Amino acid sequence: MQCKVMMIGFSADIGRRLGDTKEHCSTFTGSRWYAAAVYIVGFWFLDFANNTVQGPARAMMADLAGDHACCCVSLVVSVSVC
């Protein structure tokens, strides 16, 4: 997940390496399609990774909490992972 966060954070730089314009944002009024594509793909992968981690994290917390607190654990994991 860390790689995807870095991919999103540096999407403008990656887009510049892929061929977007090197002009500054204050002078360039066009679109930066490569940066937008890198950002969208990175966000999509990050969302997928987040959903993949949420299931095992919820199961582990439910196992640790015991029988009487499963509803509370499910709520806490849903809020904390999102």
Protein backbone atom coordinates (compact mmCIF):
# COMPACT_ATOMS: atom_id res chain seq x y z
CA MET A 1 0.00 0.00 0.00
CA GLN A 2 2.92 2.31 0.59
CA CYS A 3 3.94 2.08 -3.06
CA LYS A 4 0.45 3.12 -4.14
CA VAL A 5 0.45 6.11 -1.78
CA MET A 6 3.80 7.18 -3.23
CA MET A 7 2.44 6.64 -6.74
CA ILE A 8 -0.47 8.96 -6.00
CA GLY A 9 1.75 11.52 -4.30
CA PHE A 10 4.25 11.67 -7.14
CA SER A 11 1.75 11.32 -10.00
CA ALA A 12 2.66 14.75 -11.39
CA ASP A 13 6.36 13.84 -11.46
CA ILE A 14 5.67 10.44 -13.00
CA GLY A 15 3.42 12.07 -15.59
CA ARG A 16 6.20 14.51 -16.44
CA ARG A 17 8.59 11.58 -16.97
CA LEU A 18 6.03 9.88 -19.23
CA GLY A 19 5.70 12.92 -21.48
CA ASP A 20 3.51 15.58 -19.89
CA THR A 21 4.58 19.17 -20.37
CA LYS A 22 7.29 20.61 -18.17
CA GLU A 23 5.68 24.06 -18.04
CA HIS A 24 4.64 25.39 -14.65
CA CYS A 25 0.99 25.20 -13.66
CA SER A 26 0.65 28.98 -13.56
CA THR A 27 1.55 29.33 -17.27
CA PHE A 28 0.15 26.10 -18.76
CA THR A 29 -3.62 25.86 -19.17
CA GLY A 30 -3.88 22.43 -20.88
CA SER A 31 -4.41 19.00 -19.43
CA ARG A 32 -1.81 16.64 -18.04
CA TRP A 33 -3.24 13.32 -19.13
CA TYR A 34 -0.38 11.08 -18.02
CA ALA A 35 -0.40 12.48 -14.50
CA ALA A 36 -4.17 12.06 -14.31
CA ALA A 37 -3.93 8.46 -15.54
CA VAL A 38 -1.19 7.62 -13.02
CA TYR A 39 -3.25 9.17 -10.22
CA ILE A 40 -6.40 7.26 -11.17
CA VAL A 41 -4.60 3.91 -11.50
CA GLY A 42 -2.76 4.48 -8.21
CA PHE A 43 -5.98 5.36 -6.42
CA TRP A 44 -7.71 2.30 -7.87
CA PHE A 45 -4.90 0.00 -6.69
CA LEU A 46 -4.91 1.66 -3.26
CA ASP A 47 -8.66 1.10 -2.95
CA PHE A 48 -8.23 -2.55 -3.93
CA ALA A 49 -5.42 -3.04 -1.39
CA ASN A 50 -7.48 -1.35 1.33
CA ASN A 51 -10.42 -3.68 0.68
CA THR A 52 -8.07 -6.69 0.66
CA VAL A 53 -6.63 -5.80 4.07
CA GLN A 54 -9.97 -5.03 5.69
CA GLY A 55 -11.28 -8.64 5.73
CA PRO A 56 -8.36 -10.27 7.56
CA ALA A 57 -8.06 -7.31 9.93
CA ARG A 58 -11.72 -7.61 10.88
CA ALA A 59 -11.39 -11.38 11.43
CA MET A 60 -8.28 -10.96 13.59
CA MET A 61 -9.91 -8.29 15.75
CA ALA A 62 -13.04 -10.42 16.16
CA ASP A 63 -10.90 -13.38 17.26
CA LEU A 64 -9.08 -11.23 19.79
CA ALA A 65 -12.23 -9.61 21.16
CA GLY A 66 -14.19 -12.76 21.92
CA ASP A 67 -17.84 -13.64 21.42
CA HIS A 68 -19.52 -10.73 23.15
CA ALA A 69 -17.82 -7.88 21.28
CA CYS A 70 -17.99 -8.95 17.62
CA CYS A 71 -20.40 -6.17 16.64
CA CYS A 72 -18.24 -3.48 18.22
CA VAL A 73 -15.07 -4.90 16.64
CA SER A 74 -16.65 -4.92 13.20
CA LEU A 75 -17.61 -1.28 13.61
CA VAL A 76 -14.17 -0.25 14.86
CA VAL A 77 -12.33 -2.03 12.05
CA SER A 78 -14.65 -0.60 9.41
CA VAL A 79 -14.02 2.93 10.65
CA SER A 80 -10.29 2.57 11.29
CA VAL A 81 -9.36 0.87 7.99
CA CYS A 82 -11.32 3.34 5.88
